[in-house]
Amino acid sequence: MKQKLELQTTTLWDYPSQQHREEDEDSHKYYTGATPTYIIWNLLMRYTKAKDLVLDPMAGSGTTIDVAREIGRRALGYDINPIALKRRDIFKSDARTLPVEDEKIDFVFIDPPYSDHIKYSNEPNCIGKLNALENEYYEAMESVIKEAHRTMKKDRYMALYVSDSYEKDYPFMPIGFKLFGLLEKYFLPVDIVSVKRYNKNLNKGHWKTAAIEHNYFLRGFNYLFIMYKESDKTIVQTNEGTRVNLADRRI
């Protein structure tokens, strides 16, 4: 084990390693944009229990599946282009139309494309081909969020991990704020965590020089939005009127 895992207690998460085990570092290093395992571990330890069913509709290299099974959870992974990874436990599906029953899932984790900077696949319907300056990207992501809500049981949690984006000579893209607004249409917000990014490009001298010369910032953190699908017990009556009650949240 590369670093001792422990539950994070603040809304700023900072691990110096992408993966918490040597074998994870080797198995995921070839996949661009692989989610750090410690993020999945922290979420599942807080918001799931043994044998719960975890869904990742944009499974990528399978990090969510691996961590879930390591700690005794069941896992379903889908991806629009799973063939390239040669993993039989990641099934082909568009995250906007999942072959999953209503209210089947205990926890959903989503790590979507952050605009079209990375080539994820040659699939024509890949959301990673959509630029976050265009409404089509957000329409696609709202469909993904709606599917997460449909497939989740009530009184359960989900999380979405994302970064804003900036390209030279183009407007800043506040992807995080816009996706959080979409999430609030379907879920109740629980918290927002900032996760420090360890992108190797951030330390390259010419990247730093360019950021100063052209007066822009490099992306230093990702958002981690933690959301809750309300149950019938969520809305309660008080003397002051109707309010949301998360006192009995299932953690």
Protein backbone atom coordinates (compact mmCIF):
# COMPACT_ATOMS: atom_id res chain seq x y z
CA MET A 1 0.00 0.00 0.00
CA LYS A 2 1.37 3.37 -1.02
CA GLN A 3 -0.46 5.50 1.54
CA LYS A 4 -2.67 4.80 4.51
CA LEU A 5 -6.31 5.41 3.68
CA GLU A 6 -8.41 7.35 6.15
CA LEU A 7 -11.73 9.08 5.94
CA GLN A 8 -11.42 12.73 5.01
CA THR A 9 -13.06 15.10 7.49
CA THR A 10 -12.76 18.43 5.69
CA THR A 11 -13.96 19.63 2.30
CA LEU A 12 -10.38 19.86 0.97
CA TRP A 13 -8.93 16.51 -0.08
CA ASP A 14 -5.26 16.20 -0.90
CA TYR A 15 -3.50 12.90 -1.56
CA PRO A 16 -0.10 13.02 -3.29
CA SER A 17 -0.71 9.73 -5.11
CA GLN A 18 -3.27 9.03 -7.81
CA GLN A 19 -3.81 5.47 -6.58
CA HIS A 20 -3.47 4.03 -3.08
CA ARG A 21 -1.95 0.68 -4.14
CA GLU A 22 1.00 -0.10 -6.39
CA GLU A 23 -1.08 -2.51 -8.50
CA ASP A 24 -3.71 0.19 -9.09
CA GLU A 25 -1.05 2.61 -10.30
CA ASP A 26 0.10 0.05 -12.86
CA SER A 27 -3.36 -1.06 -14.01
CA HIS A 28 -4.80 2.42 -14.57
CA LYS A 29 -1.80 4.44 -15.72
CA TYR A 30 -2.49 3.84 -19.42
CA TYR A 31 -5.99 5.30 -19.19
CA THR A 32 -6.20 9.08 -19.50
CA GLY A 33 -8.37 10.66 -16.82
CA ALA A 34 -8.55 7.69 -14.43
CA THR A 35 -10.26 8.65 -11.16
CA PRO A 36 -8.02 8.52 -8.05
CA THR A 37 -8.94 5.45 -6.03
CA TYR A 38 -8.91 7.29 -2.70
CA ILE A 39 -11.87 9.41 -3.83
CA ILE A 40 -13.98 6.32 -4.54
CA TRP A 41 -12.86 4.70 -1.28
CA ASN A 42 -13.84 7.72 0.82
CA LEU A 43 -17.25 7.99 -0.83
CA LEU A 44 -18.10 4.32 -0.55
CA MET A 45 -16.96 4.07 3.06
CA ARG A 46 -19.23 6.98 4.00
CA TYR A 47 -22.29 6.40 1.87
CA THR A 48 -22.57 2.64 1.32
CA LYS A 49 -22.47 -0.58 3.29
CA ALA A 50 -21.42 -4.16 2.53
CA LYS A 51 -23.15 -5.71 -0.51
CA ASP A 52 -24.64 -2.41 -1.68
CA LEU A 53 -24.81 -2.06 -5.47
CA VAL A 54 -22.61 0.70 -6.90
CA LEU A 55 -23.05 2.06 -10.43
CA ASP A 56 -20.52 3.88 -12.60
CA PRO A 57 -22.14 4.78 -15.95
CA MET A 58 -18.87 6.20 -17.33
CA ALA A 59 -16.61 3.50 -15.96
CA GLY A 60 -13.47 4.28 -17.97
CA SER A 61 -10.67 2.01 -16.76
CA GLY A 62 -12.85 0.50 -14.03
CA THR A 63 -11.54 2.24 -10.90
CA THR A 64 -14.97 2.39 -9.27
CA ILE A 65 -15.58 -1.30 -9.88
CA ASP A 66 -12.20 -2.29 -8.46
CA VAL A 67 -12.49 -0.24 -5.28
CA ALA A 68 -16.11 -1.27 -4.67
CA ARG A 69 -15.30 -4.96 -4.88
CA GLU A 70 -12.18 -4.56 -2.77
CA ILE A 71 -14.31 -3.34 0.16
CA GLY A 72 -17.19 -5.78 -0.28
CA ARG A 73 -19.62 -3.85 -2.45
CA ARG A 74 -21.20 -5.06 -5.66
CA ALA A 75 -20.58 -3.00 -8.78
CA LEU A 76 -21.98 -2.30 -12.23
CA GLY A 77 -19.83 -0.54 -14.80
CA TYR A 78 -20.87 0.80 -18.20
CA ASP A 79 -18.96 2.72 -20.82
CA ILE A 80 -19.65 3.80 -24.38
CA ASN A 81 -16.33 2.26 -25.46
CA PRO A 82 -15.40 -0.64 -23.15
CA ILE A 83 -13.92 -2.85 -25.86
CA ALA A 84 -10.57 -1.05 -25.91
CA LEU A 85 -9.98 -1.91 -22.25
CA LYS A 86 -10.65 -5.64 -22.73
CA ARG A 87 -12.51 -5.87 -19.42
CA ARG A 88 -15.48 -8.23 -19.43
CA ASP A 89 -16.97 -6.58 -16.35
CA ILE A 90 -17.52 -3.21 -18.06
CA PHE A 91 -20.52 -3.33 -20.37
CA LYS A 92 -21.17 -1.23 -23.44
CA SER A 93 -23.86 1.41 -22.95
CA ASP A 94 -24.46 5.11 -23.36
CA ALA A 95 -24.73 6.72 -19.90
CA ARG A 96 -27.88 8.51 -21.10
CA THR A 97 -29.78 5.25 -21.69
CA LEU A 98 -28.69 2.59 -19.23
CA PRO A 99 -30.06 -0.98 -19.22
CA VAL A 100 -30.72 -0.76 -15.48
CA GLU A 101 -34.05 -1.09 -13.66
CA ASP A 102 -35.64 1.85 -11.85
CA GLU A 103 -34.52 2.30 -8.23
CA LYS A 104 -32.04 -0.57 -8.35
CA ILE A 105 -28.81 1.19 -7.32
CA ASP A 106 -27.48 2.15 -3.87
CA PHE A 107 -24.78 4.61 -4.97
CA VAL A 108 -23.80 6.26 -8.27
CA PHE A 109 -20.42 7.76 -9.12
CA ILE A 110 -19.90 9.83 -12.28
CA ASP A 111 -16.60 11.16 -13.61
CA PRO A 112 -17.63 12.70 -16.95
CA PRO A 113 -15.56 14.26 -19.75
CA TYR A 114 -14.63 17.87 -19.04
CA SER A 115 -15.36 19.20 -22.54
CA ASP A 116 -13.55 17.76 -25.58
CA HIS A 117 -9.88 18.16 -24.59
CA ILE A 118 -9.24 14.42 -24.41
CA LYS A 119 -10.05 11.85 -27.08
CA TYR A 120 -11.84 9.09 -25.19
CA SER A 121 -13.12 7.06 -28.13
CA ASN A 122 -14.17 7.02 -31.76
CA GLU A 123 -17.79 6.45 -30.81
CA PRO A 124 -19.92 9.08 -32.61
CA ASN A 125 -22.19 9.56 -29.56
CA CYS A 126 -19.36 9.96 -27.04
CA ILE A 127 -20.04 12.93 -24.76
CA GLY A 128 -16.28 13.52 -24.74
CA LYS A 129 -16.66 14.84 -28.30
CA LEU A 130 -18.89 17.71 -27.10
CA ASN A 131 -17.39 21.09 -26.27
CA ALA A 132 -18.47 22.58 -22.94
CA LEU A 133 -18.95 25.98 -24.58
CA GLU A 134 -22.00 24.52 -26.32
CA ASN A 135 -25.43 23.73 -24.87
CA GLU A 136 -25.30 20.22 -26.35
CA TYR A 137 -22.74 19.18 -23.74
CA TYR A 138 -25.01 20.24 -20.85
CA GLU A 139 -28.07 18.68 -22.46
CA ALA A 140 -26.17 15.41 -22.69
CA MET A 141 -24.99 15.64 -19.10
CA GLU A 142 -28.50 16.38 -17.86
CA SER A 143 -29.61 13.13 -19.50
CA VAL A 144 -26.81 11.31 -17.63
CA ILE A 145 -27.90 12.89 -14.35
CA LYS A 146 -31.54 11.96 -14.98
CA GLU A 147 -30.51 8.35 -15.56
CA ALA A 148 -28.59 8.34 -12.29
CA HIS A 149 -31.70 9.59 -10.51
CA ARG A 150 -33.96 7.05 -12.22
CA THR A 151 -31.77 4.07 -11.38
CA MET A 152 -31.07 5.03 -7.75
CA LYS A 153 -33.10 3.88 -4.79
CA LYS A 154 -34.63 6.60 -2.64
CA ASP A 155 -32.69 7.76 0.40
CA ARG A 156 -29.37 7.09 -1.34
CA TYR A 157 -26.37 9.13 -2.44
CA MET A 158 -24.44 9.88 -5.60
CA ALA A 159 -21.32 11.90 -6.45
CA LEU A 160 -20.05 13.68 -9.53
CA TYR A 161 -16.35 14.53 -9.97
CA VAL A 162 -15.53 17.29 -12.45
CA SER A 163 -13.25 20.21 -13.27
CA ASP A 164 -13.80 23.57 -14.89
CA SER A 165 -12.01 24.22 -18.16
CA TYR A 166 -10.06 26.94 -19.88
CA GLU A 167 -8.57 27.10 -23.36
CA LYS A 168 -6.38 29.94 -24.58
CA ASP A 169 -8.31 32.42 -26.75
CA TYR A 170 -11.67 30.97 -25.61
CA PRO A 171 -14.01 31.99 -22.76
CA PHE A 172 -13.63 30.33 -19.38
CA MET A 173 -15.92 27.31 -19.00
CA PRO A 174 -17.41 27.03 -15.45
CA ILE A 175 -18.42 23.41 -15.99
CA GLY A 176 -18.64 22.67 -12.27
CA PHE A 177 -21.16 25.42 -11.51
CA LYS A 178 -23.31 24.51 -14.49
CA LEU A 179 -23.38 20.80 -13.68
CA PHE A 180 -24.14 21.53 -10.03
CA GLY A 181 -27.17 23.51 -11.20
CA LEU A 182 -28.34 20.51 -13.20
CA LEU A 183 -27.78 18.16 -10.26
CA GLU A 184 -29.94 20.37 -8.03
CA LYS A 185 -32.89 19.83 -10.38
CA TYR A 186 -32.95 16.16 -9.38
CA PHE A 187 -31.10 15.82 -6.07
CA LEU A 188 -30.57 17.58 -2.76
CA PRO A 189 -27.01 18.87 -2.22
CA VAL A 190 -25.09 17.29 0.64
CA ASP A 191 -21.68 18.93 0.22
CA ILE A 192 -19.07 20.21 -2.21
CA VAL A 193 -15.49 18.97 -1.84
CA SER A 194 -12.41 20.44 -3.53
CA VAL A 195 -9.87 17.80 -4.57
CA LYS A 196 -6.35 18.97 -5.34
CA ARG A 197 -5.24 17.96 -8.83
CA TYR A 198 -1.86 16.33 -9.39
CA ASN A 199 -1.72 16.77 -13.15
CA LYS A 200 1.92 16.38 -14.21
CA ASN A 201 1.51 19.28 -16.65
CA LEU A 202 0.89 21.74 -13.81
CA ASN A 203 4.55 21.59 -12.83
CA LYS A 204 6.00 22.02 -16.30
CA GLY A 205 7.98 25.24 -16.55
CA HIS A 206 6.52 26.37 -19.88
CA TRP A 207 2.95 25.80 -18.61
CA LYS A 208 3.63 28.08 -15.63
CA THR A 209 5.33 30.67 -17.82
CA ALA A 210 2.43 30.71 -20.28
CA ALA A 211 -0.12 31.07 -17.47
CA ILE A 212 1.70 34.17 -16.20
CA GLU A 213 2.40 35.71 -19.60
CA HIS A 214 -1.17 35.28 -20.83
CA ASN A 215 -2.79 36.00 -17.46
CA TYR A 216 -4.80 32.82 -16.85
CA PHE A 217 -4.87 30.10 -14.20
CA LEU A 218 -4.10 26.40 -14.47
CA ARG A 219 -6.80 24.11 -13.06
CA GLY A 220 -5.60 23.27 -9.54
CA PHE A 221 -8.61 21.37 -8.22
CA ASN A 222 -11.64 19.28 -9.13
CA TYR A 223 -15.09 19.59 -7.67
CA LEU A 224 -16.65 16.61 -5.95
CA PHE A 225 -20.41 17.16 -5.69
CA ILE A 226 -22.14 14.87 -3.20
CA MET A 227 -25.91 14.66 -3.69
CA TYR A 228 -28.88 12.88 -2.10
CA LYS A 229 -32.01 11.36 -3.64
CA GLU A 230 -34.77 12.22 -1.25
CA SER A 231 -37.09 9.66 0.27
CA ASP A 232 -40.70 9.98 1.33
CA LYS A 233 -39.43 10.92 4.81
CA THR A 234 -37.27 13.77 3.54
CA ILE A 235 -40.06 16.37 3.56
CA VAL A 236 -41.36 17.09 7.06
CA GLN A 237 -43.82 19.56 8.53
CA THR A 238 -42.75 22.02 11.22
CA ASN A 239 -44.40 24.98 12.93
CA GLU A 240 -42.63 27.19 10.43
CA GLY A 241 -43.92 25.19 7.46
CA THR A 242 -42.50 22.55 5.14
CA ARG A 243 -38.76 21.94 5.14
CA VAL A 244 -36.19 19.40 4.03
CA ASN A 245 -34.95 17.07 6.74
CA LEU A 246 -31.64 15.28 6.28
CA ALA A 247 -31.17 14.45 9.95
CA ASP A 248 -31.81 10.78 9.27
CA ARG A 249 -29.41 10.53 6.33
CA ARG A 250 -28.19 7.03 5.69
CA ILE A 251 -24.41 7.15 6.13
